N, C-alpha and C. Protein backbone atom coordinates (compact mmCIF):
# COMPACT_ATOMS: atom_id res chain seq x y z
N UNK A 1 0.85 -1.18 0.00
CA UNK A 1 0.00 0.00 0.00
C UNK A 1 0.89 1.24 0.00
N UNK A 2 0.42 2.24 -0.69
CA UNK A 2 1.22 3.46 -0.75
C UNK A 2 0.99 4.30 0.51
N UNK A 3 1.92 5.18 0.76
CA UNK A 3 1.82 6.00 1.96
C UNK A 3 0.64 6.98 1.87
N UNK A 4 0.26 7.39 0.65
CA UNK A 4 -0.89 8.30 0.48
C UNK A 4 -2.18 7.61 0.88
N UNK A 5 -2.32 6.36 0.52
CA UNK A 5 -3.53 5.61 0.88
C UNK A 5 -3.63 5.42 2.39
N UNK A 6 -2.50 5.14 3.01
CA UNK A 6 -2.47 4.98 4.47
C UNK A 6 -2.85 6.31 5.14
N UNK A 7 -2.34 7.42 4.60
CA UNK A 7 -2.70 8.74 5.15
C UNK A 7 -4.19 8.99 5.04
N UNK A 8 -4.79 8.68 3.89
CA UNK A 8 -6.23 8.87 3.72
C UNK A 8 -7.03 7.99 4.67
N UNK A 9 -6.61 6.76 4.86
CA UNK A 9 -7.31 5.87 5.79
C UNK A 9 -7.22 6.38 7.23
N UNK A 10 -6.05 6.84 7.62
CA UNK A 10 -5.89 7.36 8.99
C UNK A 10 -6.68 8.64 9.20
N UNK A 11 -6.72 9.51 8.19
CA UNK A 11 -7.52 10.74 8.29
C UNK A 11 -9.01 10.40 8.38
N UNK A 12 -9.45 9.42 7.61
CA UNK A 12 -10.85 9.00 7.66
C UNK A 12 -11.21 8.41 9.01
N UNK A 13 -10.32 7.60 9.55
CA UNK A 13 -10.56 7.02 10.88
C UNK A 13 -10.62 8.10 11.94
N UNK A 14 -9.71 9.07 11.87
CA UNK A 14 -9.72 10.16 12.85
C UNK A 14 -11.01 10.98 12.72
N UNK A 15 -11.47 11.20 11.49
CA UNK A 15 -12.72 11.95 11.28
C UNK A 15 -13.91 11.21 11.88
N UNK A 16 -13.98 9.90 11.66
CA UNK A 16 -15.09 9.11 12.21
C UNK A 16 -15.07 9.13 13.73
N UNK A 17 -13.89 8.96 14.32
CA UNK A 17 -13.80 8.96 15.78
C UNK A 17 -14.15 10.32 16.37
N UNK A 18 -13.65 11.39 15.78
CA UNK A 18 -13.98 12.73 16.29
C UNK A 18 -15.48 13.03 16.14
N UNK A 19 -16.07 12.62 15.03
CA UNK A 19 -17.51 12.84 14.84
C UNK A 19 -18.32 12.08 15.87
N UNK A 20 -17.93 10.84 16.14
CA UNK A 20 -18.65 10.03 17.13
C UNK A 20 -18.56 10.66 18.52
N UNK A 21 -17.37 11.03 18.94
CA UNK A 21 -17.22 11.60 20.28
C UNK A 21 -17.90 12.96 20.40
N UNK A 22 -17.85 13.75 19.36
CA UNK A 22 -18.53 15.05 19.39
C UNK A 22 -20.05 14.87 19.47
N UNK A 23 -20.58 13.91 18.72
CA UNK A 23 -22.02 13.63 18.78
C UNK A 23 -22.44 13.12 20.14
N UNK A 24 -21.66 12.22 20.73
CA UNK A 24 -21.99 11.70 22.06
C UNK A 24 -21.91 12.80 23.11
N UNK A 25 -20.92 13.69 22.98
CA UNK A 25 -20.76 14.77 23.95
C UNK A 25 -21.92 15.76 23.87
N UNK A 26 -22.35 16.13 22.66
CA UNK A 26 -23.45 17.08 22.54
C UNK A 26 -24.77 16.45 22.96
N UNK A 27 -24.96 15.16 22.71
CA UNK A 27 -26.20 14.50 23.13
C UNK A 27 -26.29 14.47 24.65
N UNK A 28 -25.18 14.14 25.30
CA UNK A 28 -25.17 14.10 26.77
C UNK A 28 -25.39 15.49 27.35
N UNK A 29 -24.80 16.50 26.71
CA UNK A 29 -24.96 17.87 27.17
C UNK A 29 -26.40 18.35 27.01
N UNK A 30 -27.05 17.94 25.92
CA UNK A 30 -28.43 18.33 25.66
C UNK A 30 -29.37 17.69 26.68
N UNK A 31 -29.10 16.44 27.06
CA UNK A 31 -29.94 15.76 28.04
C UNK A 31 -29.88 16.44 29.40
N UNK A 32 -28.69 16.92 29.79
CA UNK A 32 -28.54 17.58 31.08
C UNK A 32 -29.31 18.89 31.13
N UNK A 33 -29.28 19.65 30.04
CA UNK A 33 -29.87 20.99 30.07
C UNK A 33 -31.33 21.01 29.62
N UNK A 34 -31.89 19.87 29.17
CA UNK A 34 -33.25 19.90 28.64
C UNK A 34 -34.30 20.13 29.73
N UNK A 35 -34.09 19.61 30.94
CA UNK A 35 -35.10 19.74 31.98
C UNK A 35 -34.85 20.87 32.95
N UNK A 36 -33.70 21.48 32.89
CA UNK A 36 -33.40 22.51 33.87
C UNK A 36 -33.74 23.89 33.31
N UNK A 37 -34.45 24.67 34.11
CA UNK A 37 -34.79 26.03 33.71
C UNK A 37 -34.14 27.04 34.65
N UNK A 38 -33.13 26.62 35.36
CA UNK A 38 -32.43 27.53 36.24
C UNK A 38 -33.14 27.75 37.56
N UNK A 39 -34.16 26.94 37.88
CA UNK A 39 -34.86 27.11 39.13
C UNK A 39 -35.84 28.26 39.14
N UNK A 40 -36.04 28.89 38.02
CA UNK A 40 -36.94 30.02 37.93
C UNK A 40 -38.27 29.53 37.37
N UNK A 41 -39.21 29.24 38.23
CA UNK A 41 -40.49 28.75 37.77
C UNK A 41 -41.41 29.88 37.37
N UNK A 42 -42.49 29.54 36.71
CA UNK A 42 -43.49 30.53 36.34
C UNK A 42 -43.21 31.19 35.01
N UNK A 43 -44.00 32.21 34.75
CA UNK A 43 -43.91 32.94 33.49
C UNK A 43 -42.83 34.01 33.59
N UNK A 44 -42.01 34.08 32.55
CA UNK A 44 -40.96 35.10 32.58
C UNK A 44 -41.54 36.41 32.06
N UNK A 45 -41.25 37.45 32.79
CA UNK A 45 -41.75 38.78 32.41
C UNK A 45 -40.58 39.60 31.91
N UNK A 46 -40.58 39.83 30.61
CA UNK A 46 -39.51 40.61 30.01
C UNK A 46 -40.08 41.95 29.61
N UNK A 47 -39.57 43.00 30.22
CA UNK A 47 -40.04 44.35 29.92
C UNK A 47 -39.31 44.86 28.68
N UNK A 48 -40.01 45.60 27.83
CA UNK A 48 -39.33 46.16 26.66
C UNK A 48 -38.32 47.20 27.11
N UNK A 49 -37.26 47.37 26.34
CA UNK A 49 -36.24 48.33 26.75
C UNK A 49 -36.74 49.76 26.64
N UNK A 50 -36.26 50.60 27.52
CA UNK A 50 -36.59 52.01 27.48
C UNK A 50 -35.51 52.69 26.63
N UNK A 51 -35.93 53.22 25.48
CA UNK A 51 -34.97 53.83 24.57
C UNK A 51 -34.86 55.32 24.85
N UNK A 52 -33.65 55.79 24.93
CA UNK A 52 -33.40 57.21 25.17
C UNK A 52 -33.22 57.88 23.80
N UNK A 53 -34.23 58.62 23.36
CA UNK A 53 -34.18 59.27 22.07
C UNK A 53 -33.47 60.61 22.18
N UNK A 54 -32.76 61.01 21.12
CA UNK A 54 -32.09 62.31 21.15
C UNK A 54 -33.11 63.45 21.16
N UNK A 55 -32.70 64.64 21.56
CA UNK A 55 -33.62 65.77 21.59
C UNK A 55 -34.20 66.05 20.19
N UNK A 56 -35.49 66.31 20.14
CA UNK A 56 -36.17 66.62 18.89
C UNK A 56 -36.70 65.41 18.16
N UNK A 57 -36.38 64.19 18.60
CA UNK A 57 -36.87 62.97 17.96
C UNK A 57 -38.00 62.41 18.79
N UNK A 58 -39.14 62.15 18.17
CA UNK A 58 -40.29 61.60 18.88
C UNK A 58 -40.77 60.35 18.17
N UNK A 59 -41.47 59.52 18.91
CA UNK A 59 -42.07 58.33 18.32
C UNK A 59 -43.28 58.74 17.49
N UNK A 60 -43.53 58.06 16.36
CA UNK A 60 -44.71 58.39 15.55
C UNK A 60 -45.99 58.01 16.30
N UNK A 61 -47.05 58.76 16.06
CA UNK A 61 -48.34 58.53 16.72
C UNK A 61 -49.06 57.34 16.14
N UNK A 62 -48.90 57.08 14.81
CA UNK A 62 -49.55 55.97 14.14
C UNK A 62 -48.51 55.12 13.44
N UNK A 63 -48.94 53.92 13.05
CA UNK A 63 -48.07 53.10 12.25
C UNK A 63 -47.98 53.69 10.86
N UNK A 64 -46.78 53.72 10.32
CA UNK A 64 -46.60 54.28 8.97
C UNK A 64 -47.02 53.28 7.91
N UNK A 65 -46.90 51.98 8.21
CA UNK A 65 -47.27 50.94 7.26
C UNK A 65 -48.57 50.31 7.72
N UNK A 66 -49.55 50.26 6.84
CA UNK A 66 -50.84 49.66 7.16
C UNK A 66 -50.71 48.14 7.12
N UNK A 67 -51.20 47.45 8.11
CA UNK A 67 -51.18 45.99 8.12
C UNK A 67 -52.34 45.48 7.29
N UNK A 68 -52.08 44.36 6.60
CA UNK A 68 -53.16 43.78 5.77
C UNK A 68 -54.01 42.85 6.58
């Protein structure tokens, strides 16, 4: 066998092994985090950000684009 063929076989084997271990690691990681919500039960209340507009700039009173 030529050395090029051996190199390709070893690279392929390394690729398969790395793919397997990476898949197993991400699956195990996903199982750990799937049921945990950080201990924060209930509905999360996210307030919209308060934007500080420059002087002279105001929010429009109506929507500029009509919804269909």
